[in-house]
Amino acid sequence: MSSRLWFRVEDVLPLAEHALACPTHRLTRAQLMAGEHNTPALTLRHLGADGHLRSNGLPIWCSRDGDEHVAHGRSWRCVDATAAPEMDLYLPLRHAGPDGRRLIDVLRAARTVDRHWLAITTDIWPGCTIDTSHIEVSDHRAEIAPPDTRWRPGMVTAPRLGGRYYPALVADGHAIGEDGQLICRLHPRTMRQLAADLGGPWRAGTLPGEHPLVRFDGVTAVLLEETDTGDAVRLDVDDRCYPDRDGYYSIGADRWLWHTSTTVAVPLPDRLRLHLAALPSRLRAHRRQSRSSPPGPR
């Protein structure tokens, strides 16, 4: 399981602003364990490959249904791994970290420069405070899967793709989050076909924002979301996806809810191409395992 949880900045920043705006703050288990003063902060409950960020401000910020607003984050995990123990961590918003930055400033700057993802490293001693040295913001979700992942061909689709299936490499034995979302990699040609399909004439019969759009900026796939403003449809950058070292795209990771088909077979040319693409990853994993294995008896 990864030691980093990935959150959307758009989900986390409102919680941080709520904590700062509140006149009082609740005493949380994470604060007690960290031995910190009662100050505006976020609390992180880490449950295996899932994480939940909350504001410690009072009054508690709830939805119209009475549910507390929570930012959900995930990491990749091994499907057969045993569940990790639950952790409660404390993230003060106005304390400067060793690098001189404050978490609230990092979040606000990330929104301004379109850094959509917040990565929190949770590999710390229990009871320690998470400062900005454990925080990273990015314009894309990195660390999709561990480097030794084995990949298998499959036909995949997602609810937002209008029922279309695409050949892809699917992580074997790894998933995102505790709910087991698939991790997929698409060939560059398939990626461009997907982008063309999403911009097809069939969109005329859909509502703005019902399906994403993909445009290419060089080799970077840019995910766009439509917003109906009443007078026009505004396009906003929702995410970016860069090709990996094999040229493949992990588009929609942790966003599109990929799943495979049990009835649609991978076309033979695509299956051969995907098998060949999986070989370099297997060779790299084999070399890493060979270097890390202790030498045998002489």
C-alpha atoms as a PDB file:
ATOM      1  CA  MET A   1       0.000   0.000   0.000  1.00  0.00           C
ATOM      2  CA  SER A   2       1.242   3.480  -0.823  1.00  0.00           C
ATOM      3  CA  SER A   3       2.228   5.844   1.992  1.00  0.00           C
ATOM      4  CA  ARG A   4       0.657   8.782   0.132  1.00  0.00           C
ATOM      5  CA  LEU A   5      -3.030   9.639  -0.020  1.00  0.00           C
ATOM      6  CA  TRP A   6      -4.311  11.716  -2.938  1.00  0.00           C
ATOM      7  CA  PHE A   7      -7.045  14.327  -2.435  1.00  0.00           C
ATOM      8  CA  ARG A   8      -8.628  16.910  -4.698  1.00  0.00           C
ATOM      9  CA  VAL A   9      -7.666  20.467  -3.723  1.00  0.00           C
ATOM     10  CA  GLU A  10     -11.195  21.612  -4.603  1.00  0.00           C
ATOM     11  CA  ASP A  11     -12.499  19.303  -1.847  1.00  0.00           C
ATOM     12  CA  VAL A  12      -9.879  20.179   0.791  1.00  0.00           C
ATOM     13  CA  LEU A  13      -9.617  23.970   0.496  1.00  0.00           C
ATOM     14  CA  PRO A  14     -13.261  24.697   1.533  1.00  0.00           C
ATOM     15  CA  LEU A  15     -12.712  22.603   4.675  1.00  0.00           C
ATOM     16  CA  ALA A  16      -9.567  24.582   5.488  1.00  0.00           C
ATOM     17  CA  GLU A  17     -11.365  27.896   4.972  1.00  0.00           C
ATOM     18  CA  HIS A  18     -14.182  26.689   7.237  1.00  0.00           C
ATOM     19  CA  ALA A  19     -11.732  25.844  10.019  1.00  0.00           C
ATOM     20  CA  LEU A  20     -10.127  29.294   9.752  1.00  0.00           C
ATOM     21  CA  ALA A  21     -13.472  31.116   9.746  1.00  0.00           C
ATOM     22  CA  CYS A  22     -14.920  29.342  12.784  1.00  0.00           C
ATOM     23  CA  PRO A  23     -14.707  31.135  16.177  1.00  0.00           C
ATOM     24  CA  THR A  24     -14.016  27.933  18.121  1.00  0.00           C
ATOM     25  CA  HIS A  25     -12.544  24.519  17.375  1.00  0.00           C
ATOM     26  CA  ARG A  26     -13.388  21.074  18.656  1.00  0.00           C
ATOM     27  CA  LEU A  27     -10.958  18.869  20.503  1.00  0.00           C
ATOM     28  CA  THR A  28     -10.159  15.849  18.342  1.00  0.00           C
ATOM     29  CA  ARG A  29      -8.378  12.577  18.927  1.00  0.00           C
ATOM     30  CA  ALA A  30      -5.764  13.558  16.345  1.00  0.00           C
ATOM     31  CA  GLN A  31      -4.989  16.765  18.254  1.00  0.00           C
ATOM     32  CA  LEU A  32      -4.687  14.936  21.576  1.00  0.00           C
ATOM     33  CA  MET A  33      -2.334  12.347  20.068  1.00  0.00           C
ATOM     34  CA  ALA A  34      -0.191  15.092  18.500  1.00  0.00           C
ATOM     35  CA  GLY A  35      -0.136  17.154  21.722  1.00  0.00           C
ATOM     36  CA  GLU A  36      -1.011  20.306  19.783  1.00  0.00           C
ATOM     37  CA  HIS A  37      -2.770  23.506  20.858  1.00  0.00           C
ATOM     38  CA  ASN A  38      -6.378  24.055  19.857  1.00  0.00           C
ATOM     39  CA  THR A  39      -5.942  25.867  16.549  1.00  0.00           C
ATOM     40  CA  PRO A  40      -7.592  25.829  13.081  1.00  0.00           C
ATOM     41  CA  ALA A  41      -6.681  22.494  11.557  1.00  0.00           C
ATOM     42  CA  LEU A  42      -7.716  19.553   9.449  1.00  0.00           C
ATOM     43  CA  THR A  43      -7.905  16.065  10.888  1.00  0.00           C
ATOM     44  CA  LEU A  44      -7.089  13.018   8.787  1.00  0.00           C
ATOM     45  CA  ARG A  45      -8.461   9.568   9.507  1.00  0.00           C
ATOM     46  CA  HIS A  46      -6.410   7.041   7.535  1.00  0.00           C
ATOM     47  CA  LEU A  47      -8.184   3.711   6.922  1.00  0.00           C
ATOM     48  CA  GLY A  48      -6.054   1.408   4.786  1.00  0.00           C
ATOM     49  CA  ALA A  49      -6.027   2.848   1.254  1.00  0.00           C
ATOM     50  CA  ASP A  50      -8.680   5.469   2.093  1.00  0.00           C
ATOM     51  CA  GLY A  51      -8.442   8.740   3.967  1.00  0.00           C
ATOM     52  CA  HIS A  52     -10.997  11.271   5.223  1.00  0.00           C
ATOM     53  CA  LEU A  53     -10.171  14.923   5.921  1.00  0.00           C
ATOM     54  CA  ARG A  54     -12.400  17.014   8.195  1.00  0.00           C
ATOM     55  CA  SER A  55     -12.402  20.551   9.539  1.00  0.00           C
ATOM     56  CA  ASN A  56     -12.094  20.935  13.312  1.00  0.00           C
ATOM     57  CA  GLY A  57     -14.138  24.156  13.266  1.00  0.00           C
ATOM     58  CA  LEU A  58     -17.277  24.699  15.337  1.00  0.00           C
ATOM     59  CA  PRO A  59     -20.074  24.795  14.380  1.00  0.00           C
ATOM     60  CA  ILE A  60     -19.552  21.663  12.273  1.00  0.00           C
ATOM     61  CA  TRP A  61     -20.133  22.204   8.548  1.00  0.00           C
ATOM     62  CA  CYS A  62     -22.913  19.883   7.406  1.00  0.00           C
ATOM     63  CA  SER A  63     -24.849  19.388   4.192  1.00  0.00           C
ATOM     64  CA  ARG A  64     -28.593  19.930   3.870  1.00  0.00           C
ATOM     65  CA  ASP A  65     -29.044  16.244   4.678  1.00  0.00           C
ATOM     66  CA  GLY A  66     -27.147  16.654   7.943  1.00  0.00           C
ATOM     67  CA  ASP A  67     -23.972  14.874   6.816  1.00  0.00           C
ATOM     68  CA  GLU A  68     -20.626  16.419   7.736  1.00  0.00           C
ATOM     69  CA  HIS A  69     -18.590  17.682   4.778  1.00  0.00           C
ATOM     70  CA  VAL A  70     -15.594  15.376   4.260  1.00  0.00           C
ATOM     71  CA  ALA A  71     -12.816  15.259   1.644  1.00  0.00           C
ATOM     72  CA  HIS A  72     -12.094  11.709   0.504  1.00  0.00           C
ATOM     73  CA  GLY A  73      -8.624  10.589  -0.574  1.00  0.00           C
ATOM     74  CA  ARG A  74      -7.202   7.303  -1.830  1.00  0.00           C
ATOM     75  CA  SER A  75      -3.997   5.486  -2.649  1.00  0.00           C
ATOM     76  CA  TRP A  76      -3.221   2.316  -4.534  1.00  0.00           C
ATOM     77  CA  ARG A  77      -3.198  -0.921  -2.582  1.00  0.00           C
ATOM     78  CA  CYS A  78      -2.489  -4.601  -3.046  1.00  0.00           C
ATOM     79  CA  VAL A  79      -5.819  -6.422  -3.341  1.00  0.00           C
ATOM     80  CA  ASP A  80      -4.685  -9.333  -1.139  1.00  0.00           C
ATOM     81  CA  ALA A  81      -2.952  -7.200   1.502  1.00  0.00           C
ATOM     82  CA  THR A  82      -4.209  -7.223   5.069  1.00  0.00           C
ATOM     83  CA  ALA A  83      -5.890  -4.057   6.300  1.00  0.00           C
ATOM     84  CA  ALA A  84      -3.558  -1.488   7.861  1.00  0.00           C
ATOM     85  CA  PRO A  85      -4.378  -0.115  11.335  1.00  0.00           C
ATOM     86  CA  GLU A  86      -6.458   3.038  11.563  1.00  0.00           C
ATOM     87  CA  MET A  87      -4.568   6.301  12.104  1.00  0.00           C
ATOM     88  CA  ASP A  88      -5.698   9.766  13.251  1.00  0.00           C
ATOM     89  CA  LEU A  89      -3.414  12.590  12.107  1.00  0.00           C
ATOM     90  CA  TYR A  90      -3.414  16.335  12.733  1.00  0.00           C
ATOM     91  CA  LEU A  91      -2.764  19.025  10.079  1.00  0.00           C
ATOM     92  CA  PRO A  92      -2.563  22.569  11.532  1.00  0.00           C
ATOM     93  CA  LEU A  93      -3.323  25.218   8.934  1.00  0.00           C
ATOM     94  CA  ARG A  94      -1.343  28.212  10.219  1.00  0.00           C
ATOM     95  CA  HIS A  95       1.811  26.549  11.561  1.00  0.00           C
ATOM     96  CA  ALA A  96       4.870  27.046   9.367  1.00  0.00           C
ATOM     97  CA  GLY A  97       6.636  23.801   8.450  1.00  0.00           C
ATOM     98  CA  PRO A  98      10.413  23.270   8.202  1.00  0.00           C
ATOM     99  CA  ASP A  99      10.280  24.789   4.720  1.00  0.00           C
ATOM    100  CA  GLY A 100       8.618  27.954   6.031  1.00  0.00           C
ATOM    101  CA  ARG A 101       5.290  27.287   4.298  1.00  0.00           C
ATOM    102  CA  ARG A 102       1.847  27.117   5.901  1.00  0.00           C
ATOM    103  CA  LEU A 103      -0.711  24.539   4.786  1.00  0.00           C
ATOM    104  CA  ILE A 104      -3.423  27.133   4.123  1.00  0.00           C
ATOM    105  CA  ASP A 105      -1.036  29.093   1.873  1.00  0.00           C
ATOM    106  CA  VAL A 106      -0.126  25.927  -0.034  1.00  0.00           C
ATOM    107  CA  LEU A 107      -3.807  25.117  -0.631  1.00  0.00           C
ATOM    108  CA  ARG A 108      -4.701  28.620  -1.768  1.00  0.00           C
ATOM    109  CA  ALA A 109      -1.711  28.791  -4.100  1.00  0.00           C
ATOM    110  CA  ALA A 110      -2.592  25.367  -5.541  1.00  0.00           C
ATOM    111  CA  ARG A 111      -6.056  26.616  -6.480  1.00  0.00           C
ATOM    112  CA  THR A 112      -4.607  29.747  -8.093  1.00  0.00           C
ATOM    113  CA  VAL A 113      -2.103  27.876 -10.298  1.00  0.00           C
ATOM    114  CA  ASP A 114      -4.429  24.950 -11.146  1.00  0.00           C
ATOM    115  CA  ARG A 115      -2.723  22.272  -9.052  1.00  0.00           C
ATOM    116  CA  HIS A 116      -5.718  19.986  -8.654  1.00  0.00           C
ATOM    117  CA  TRP A 117      -4.200  17.234  -6.512  1.00  0.00           C
ATOM    118  CA  LEU A 118      -2.969  17.205  -2.927  1.00  0.00           C
ATOM    119  CA  ALA A 119      -0.725  14.321  -1.832  1.00  0.00           C
ATOM    120  CA  ILE A 120      -0.289  13.704   1.891  1.00  0.00           C
ATOM    121  CA  THR A 121       2.494  11.407   3.073  1.00  0.00           C
ATOM    122  CA  THR A 122       1.232   9.415   6.050  1.00  0.00           C
ATOM    123  CA  ASP A 123       4.424   7.444   6.700  1.00  0.00           C
ATOM    124  CA  ILE A 124       5.157   9.174  10.004  1.00  0.00           C
ATOM    125  CA  TRP A 125       5.349   8.155  13.642  1.00  0.00           C
ATOM    126  CA  PRO A 126       1.958   7.855  15.362  1.00  0.00           C
ATOM    127  CA  GLY A 127       1.134  11.024  17.241  1.00  0.00           C
ATOM    128  CA  CYS A 128       3.227  13.280  15.002  1.00  0.00           C
ATOM    129  CA  THR A 129       1.845  16.391  13.330  1.00  0.00           C
ATOM    130  CA  ILE A 130       1.671  16.508   9.538  1.00  0.00           C
ATOM    131  CA  ASP A 131       3.332  19.710   8.326  1.00  0.00           C
ATOM    132  CA  THR A 132       4.039  21.018   4.838  1.00  0.00           C
ATOM    133  CA  SER A 133       7.122  18.817   4.489  1.00  0.00           C
ATOM    134  CA  HIS A 134       4.658  15.919   4.109  1.00  0.00           C
ATOM    135  CA  ILE A 135       2.482  17.801   1.597  1.00  0.00           C
ATOM    136  CA  GLU A 136       2.786  17.982  -2.177  1.00  0.00           C
ATOM    137  CA  VAL A 137       0.498  19.599  -4.755  1.00  0.00           C
ATOM    138  CA  SER A 138       0.441  18.609  -8.421  1.00  0.00           C
ATOM    139  CA  ASP A 139      -1.515  19.220 -11.624  1.00  0.00           C
ATOM    140  CA  HIS A 140      -1.964  15.453 -12.077  1.00  0.00           C
ATOM    141  CA  ARG A 141      -2.358  12.351  -9.960  1.00  0.00           C
ATOM    142  CA  ALA A 142       1.062  10.738  -9.867  1.00  0.00           C
ATOM    143  CA  GLU A 143       2.050   7.370  -8.381  1.00  0.00           C
ATOM    144  CA  ILE A 144      -0.781   5.499 -10.071  1.00  0.00           C
ATOM    145  CA  ALA A 145       0.560   2.035  -9.179  1.00  0.00           C
ATOM    146  CA  PRO A 146       3.717   0.513  -7.659  1.00  0.00           C
ATOM    147  CA  PRO A 147       6.671  -0.001 -10.020  1.00  0.00           C
ATOM    148  CA  ASP A 148       6.509  -3.817  -9.809  1.00  0.00           C
ATOM    149  CA  THR A 149       2.867  -4.020 -10.958  1.00  0.00           C
ATOM    150  CA  ARG A 150       2.000  -6.730 -13.470  1.00  0.00           C
ATOM    151  CA  TRP A 151      -0.421  -5.711 -16.215  1.00  0.00           C
ATOM    152  CA  ARG A 152      -2.953  -7.725 -18.186  1.00  0.00           C
ATOM    153  CA  PRO A 153      -5.020  -6.789 -21.274  1.00  0.00           C
ATOM    154  CA  GLY A 154      -8.723  -6.073 -20.892  1.00  0.00           C
ATOM    155  CA  MET A 155     -11.624  -4.139 -22.364  1.00  0.00           C
ATOM    156  CA  VAL A 156     -12.547  -1.338 -19.979  1.00  0.00           C
ATOM    157  CA  THR A 157     -15.208   1.320 -19.703  1.00  0.00           C
ATOM    158  CA  ALA A 158     -16.397   3.917 -17.206  1.00  0.00           C
ATOM    159  CA  PRO A 159     -19.849   5.375 -16.451  1.00  0.00           C
ATOM    160  CA  ARG A 160     -18.907   8.728 -17.975  1.00  0.00           C
ATOM    161  CA  LEU A 161     -17.802   7.293 -21.335  1.00  0.00           C
ATOM    162  CA  GLY A 162     -21.246   6.738 -22.797  1.00  0.00           C
ATOM    163  CA  GLY A 163     -21.047   2.933 -22.852  1.00  0.00           C
ATOM    164  CA  ARG A 164     -17.883   2.758 -24.989  1.00  0.00           C
ATOM    165  CA  TYR A 165     -15.223   0.127 -24.319  1.00  0.00           C
ATOM    166  CA  TYR A 166     -11.493   0.498 -24.922  1.00  0.00           C
ATOM    167  CA  PRO A 167      -8.555  -1.944 -24.861  1.00  0.00           C
ATOM    168  CA  ALA A 168      -6.244  -1.231 -21.943  1.00  0.00           C
ATOM    169  CA  LEU A 169      -3.651  -2.650 -19.598  1.00  0.00           C
ATOM    170  CA  VAL A 170      -5.251  -3.371 -16.206  1.00  0.00           C
ATOM    171  CA  ALA A 171      -3.217  -3.648 -13.017  1.00  0.00           C
ATOM    172  CA  ASP A 172      -3.229  -7.259 -11.831  1.00  0.00           C
ATOM    173  CA  GLY A 173      -3.544  -7.542  -8.062  1.00  0.00           C
ATOM    174  CA  HIS A 174      -3.641  -3.787  -7.372  1.00  0.00           C
ATOM    175  CA  ALA A 175      -6.511  -1.321  -7.096  1.00  0.00           C
ATOM    176  CA  ILE A 176      -7.246   2.221  -5.898  1.00  0.00           C
ATOM    177  CA  GLY A 177      -8.962   2.622  -2.548  1.00  0.00           C
ATOM    178  CA  GLU A 178     -10.712   0.074  -0.411  1.00  0.00           C
ATOM    179  CA  ASP A 179     -13.593  -0.174  -2.903  1.00  0.00           C
ATOM    180  CA  GLY A 180     -11.240  -1.690  -5.496  1.00  0.00           C
ATOM    181  CA  GLN A 181     -11.323   0.772  -8.384  1.00  0.00           C
ATOM    182  CA  LEU A 182      -9.381  -0.544 -11.381  1.00  0.00           C
ATOM    183  CA  ILE A 183      -6.077   0.981 -12.448  1.00  0.00           C
ATOM    184  CA  CYS A 184      -5.824   1.234 -16.253  1.00  0.00           C
ATOM    185  CA  ARG A 185      -3.256   2.346 -18.844  1.00  0.00           C
ATOM    186  CA  LEU A 186      -4.235   3.205 -22.420  1.00  0.00           C
ATOM    187  CA  HIS A 187      -2.110   3.090 -25.583  1.00  0.00           C
ATOM    188  CA  PRO A 188      -1.538   6.565 -27.141  1.00  0.00           C
ATOM    189  CA  ARG A 189      -3.620   5.629 -30.199  1.00  0.00           C
ATOM    190  CA  THR A 190      -6.449   4.417 -27.967  1.00  0.00           C
ATOM    191  CA  MET A 191      -6.155   7.585 -25.902  1.00  0.00           C
ATOM    192  CA  ARG A 192      -6.602   9.777 -28.968  1.00  0.00           C
ATOM    193  CA  GLN A 193      -9.535   7.642 -30.139  1.00  0.00           C
ATOM    194  CA  LEU A 194     -11.159   8.089 -26.737  1.00  0.00           C
ATOM    195  CA  ALA A 195     -10.665  11.860 -26.990  1.00  0.00           C
ATOM    196  CA  ALA A 196     -12.250  11.900 -30.455  1.00  0.00           C
ATOM    197  CA  ASP A 197     -15.189   9.766 -29.283  1.00  0.00           C
ATOM    198  CA  LEU A 198     -15.923  12.053 -26.325  1.00  0.00           C
ATOM    199  CA  GLY A 199     -16.112  15.037 -28.669  1.00  0.00           C
ATOM    200  CA  GLY A 200     -18.433  13.307 -31.161  1.00  0.00           C
ATOM    201  CA  PRO A 201     -21.813  14.553 -32.399  1.00  0.00           C
ATOM    202  CA  TRP A 202     -23.656  12.347 -29.900  1.00  0.00           C
ATOM    203  CA  ARG A 203     -22.879  14.982 -27.234  1.00  0.00           C
ATOM    204  CA  ALA A 204     -25.634  17.172 -28.722  1.00  0.00           C
ATOM    205  CA  GLY A 205     -28.166  14.976 -26.932  1.00  0.00           C
ATOM    206  CA  THR A 206     -26.481  15.217 -23.526  1.00  0.00           C
ATOM    207  CA  LEU A 207     -26.468  17.796 -20.730  1.00  0.00           C
ATOM    208  CA  PRO A 208     -23.451  20.046 -20.061  1.00  0.00           C
ATOM    209  CA  GLY A 209     -21.124  18.303 -17.619  1.00  0.00           C
ATOM    210  CA  GLU A 210     -22.667  14.872 -18.152  1.00  0.00           C
ATOM    211  CA  HIS A 211     -19.528  13.648 -19.928  1.00  0.00           C
ATOM    212  CA  PRO A 212     -15.942  14.942 -19.855  1.00  0.00           C
ATOM    213  CA  LEU A 213     -13.939  16.265 -22.776  1.00  0.00           C
ATOM    214  CA  VAL A 214     -10.315  15.439 -23.555  1.00  0.00           C
ATOM    215  CA  ARG A 215      -8.000  17.693 -25.509  1.00  0.00           C
ATOM    216  CA  PHE A 216      -4.296  17.262 -26.224  1.00  0.00           C
ATOM    217  CA  ASP A 217      -1.667  19.859 -25.372  1.00  0.00           C
ATOM    218  CA  GLY A 218       1.293  18.276 -27.121  1.00  0.00           C
ATOM    219  CA  VAL A 219       1.464  14.799 -25.588  1.00  0.00           C
ATOM    220  CA  THR A 220      -0.453  15.857 -22.455  1.00  0.00           C
ATOM    221  CA  ALA A 221      -4.091  14.793 -22.237  1.00  0.00           C
ATOM    222  CA  VAL A 222      -6.110  17.615 -20.652  1.00  0.00           C
ATOM    223  CA  LEU A 223      -9.451  16.704 -19.076  1.00  0.00           C
ATOM    224  CA  LEU A 224     -12.100  19.412 -19.369  1.00  0.00           C
ATOM    225  CA  GLU A 225     -15.414  19.738 -17.561  1.00  0.00           C
ATOM    226  CA  GLU A 226     -18.414  21.685 -18.854  1.00  0.00           C
ATOM    227  CA  THR A 227     -20.325  24.078 -16.597  1.00  0.00           C
ATOM    228  CA  ASP A 228     -23.635  25.600 -17.648  1.00  0.00           C
ATOM    229  CA  THR A 229     -23.532  29.263 -16.545  1.00  0.00           C
ATOM    230  CA  GLY A 230     -26.983  30.030 -17.916  1.00  0.00           C
ATOM    231  CA  ASP A 231     -25.662  32.211 -20.723  1.00  0.00           C
ATOM    232  CA  ALA A 232     -23.022  29.829 -22.080  1.00  0.00           C
ATOM    233  CA  VAL A 233     -21.147  26.608 -21.363  1.00  0.00           C
ATOM    234  CA  ARG A 234     -17.814  27.199 -19.641  1.00  0.00           C
ATOM    235  CA  LEU A 235     -14.916  24.763 -19.995  1.00  0.00           C
ATOM    236  CA  ASP A 236     -12.642  24.266 -16.974  1.00  0.00           C
ATOM    237  CA  VAL A 237      -9.480  22.175 -16.698  1.00  0.00           C
ATOM    238  CA  ASP A 238     -10.298  19.311 -14.344  1.00  0.00           C
ATOM    239  CA  ASP A 239      -7.116  17.250 -14.610  1.00  0.00           C
ATOM    240  CA  ARG A 240      -4.055  16.490 -16.701  1.00  0.00           C
ATOM    241  CA  CYS A 241      -2.626  13.128 -17.686  1.00  0.00           C
ATOM    242  CA  TYR A 242       0.966  12.716 -18.841  1.00  0.00           C
ATOM    243  CA  PRO A 243       2.284   9.655 -20.694  1.00  0.00           C
ATOM    244  CA  ASP A 244       4.349   7.274 -18.572  1.00  0.00           C
ATOM    245  CA  ARG A 245       7.772   5.957 -19.514  1.00  0.00           C
ATOM    246  CA  ASP A 246       6.135   3.460 -21.910  1.00  0.00           C
ATOM    247  CA  GLY A 247       4.022   6.201 -23.518  1.00  0.00           C
ATOM    248  CA  TYR A 248       0.755   4.970 -21.960  1.00  0.00           C
ATOM    249  CA  TYR A 249      -1.915   7.105 -20.255  1.00  0.00           C
ATOM    250  CA  SER A 250      -3.557   6.380 -16.894  1.00  0.00           C
ATOM    251  CA  ILE A 251      -6.483   8.598 -17.754  1.00  0.00           C
ATOM    252  CA  GLY A 252      -9.275   9.098 -15.219  1.00  0.00           C
ATOM    253  CA  ALA A 253      -7.384   7.428 -12.377  1.00  0.00           C
ATOM    254  CA  ASP A 254      -9.474   7.673  -9.211  1.00  0.00           C
ATOM    255  CA  ARG A 255     -12.057   9.724 -11.145  1.00  0.00           C
ATOM    256  CA  TRP A 256     -13.857   7.635 -13.764  1.00  0.00           C
ATOM    257  CA  LEU A 257     -14.536   4.360 -11.892  1.00  0.00           C
ATOM    258  CA  TRP A 258     -13.083   2.040 -14.523  1.00  0.00           C
ATOM    259  CA  HIS A 259     -14.421  -1.521 -14.797  1.00  0.00           C
ATOM    260  CA  THR A 260     -13.834  -4.390 -17.206  1.00  0.00           C
ATOM    261  CA  SER A 261     -16.230  -6.209 -19.505  1.00  0.00           C
ATOM    262  CA  THR A 262     -16.987  -9.904 -19.133  1.00  0.00           C
ATOM    263  CA  THR A 263     -18.520 -10.107 -22.619  1.00  0.00           C
ATOM    264  CA  VAL A 264     -16.452  -7.821 -24.872  1.00  0.00           C
ATOM    265  CA  ALA A 265     -13.188  -9.451 -25.970  1.00  0.00           C
ATOM    266  CA  VAL A 266      -9.986  -7.546 -26.662  1.00  0.00           C
ATOM    267  CA  PRO A 267      -9.341  -7.515 -30.456  1.00  0.00           C
ATOM    268  CA  LEU A 268      -6.354  -9.662 -31.374  1.00  0.00           C
ATOM    269  CA  PRO A 269      -4.133  -6.796 -32.694  1.00  0.00           C
ATOM    270  CA  ASP A 270      -4.753  -4.814 -29.518  1.00  0.00           C
ATOM    271  CA  ARG A 271      -4.139  -7.860 -27.334  1.00  0.00           C
ATOM    272  CA  LEU A 272      -0.754  -8.466 -28.983  1.00  0.00           C
ATOM    273  CA  ARG A 273       0.182  -4.785 -28.654  1.00  0.00           C
ATOM    274  CA  LEU A 274      -0.788  -4.726 -24.981  1.00  0.00           C
ATOM    275  CA  HIS A 275       1.122  -7.935 -24.201  1.00  0.00           C
ATOM    276  CA  LEU A 276       4.229  -6.442 -25.794  1.00  0.00           C
ATOM    277  CA  ALA A 277       3.766  -3.210 -23.844  1.00  0.00           C
ATOM    278  CA  ALA A 278       3.555  -5.148 -20.565  1.00  0.00           C
ATOM    279  CA  LEU A 279       6.933  -6.833 -21.135  1.00  0.00           C
ATOM    280  CA  PRO A 280       9.167  -3.820 -20.263  1.00  0.00           C
ATOM    281  CA  SER A 281       7.350  -3.380 -16.935  1.00  0.00           C
ATOM    282  CA  ARG A 282       7.887  -7.054 -16.115  1.00  0.00           C
ATOM    283  CA  LEU A 283      11.565  -6.851 -17.015  1.00  0.00           C
ATOM    284  CA  ARG A 284      12.072  -3.758 -14.873  1.00  0.00           C
ATOM    285  CA  ALA A 285      10.293  -5.421 -11.955  1.00  0.00           C
ATOM    286  CA  HIS A 286      12.450  -8.524 -12.391  1.00  0.00           C
ATOM    287  CA  ARG A 287      15.653  -6.459 -12.362  1.00  0.00           C
ATOM    288  CA  ARG A 288      14.570  -4.589  -9.226  1.00  0.00           C
ATOM    289  CA  GLN A 289      13.737  -7.865  -7.498  1.00  0.00           C
ATOM    290  CA  SER A 290      17.100  -9.335  -8.490  1.00  0.00           C
ATOM    291  CA  ARG A 291      18.978  -6.319  -7.099  1.00  0.00           C
ATOM    292  CA  SER A 292      17.023  -6.359  -3.830  1.00  0.00           C
ATOM    293  CA  SER A 293      17.316 -10.119  -3.247  1.00  0.00           C
ATOM    294  CA  PRO A 294      20.155 -11.168  -0.898  1.00  0.00           C
ATOM    295  CA  PRO A 295      22.928 -13.241  -2.464  1.00  0.00           C
ATOM    296  CA  GLY A 296      22.637 -16.985  -2.040  1.00  0.00           C
ATOM    297  CA  PRO A 297      25.124 -19.176  -0.155  1.00  0.00           C
ATOM    298  CA  ARG A 298      28.440 -19.758  -1.858  1.00  0.00           C
END
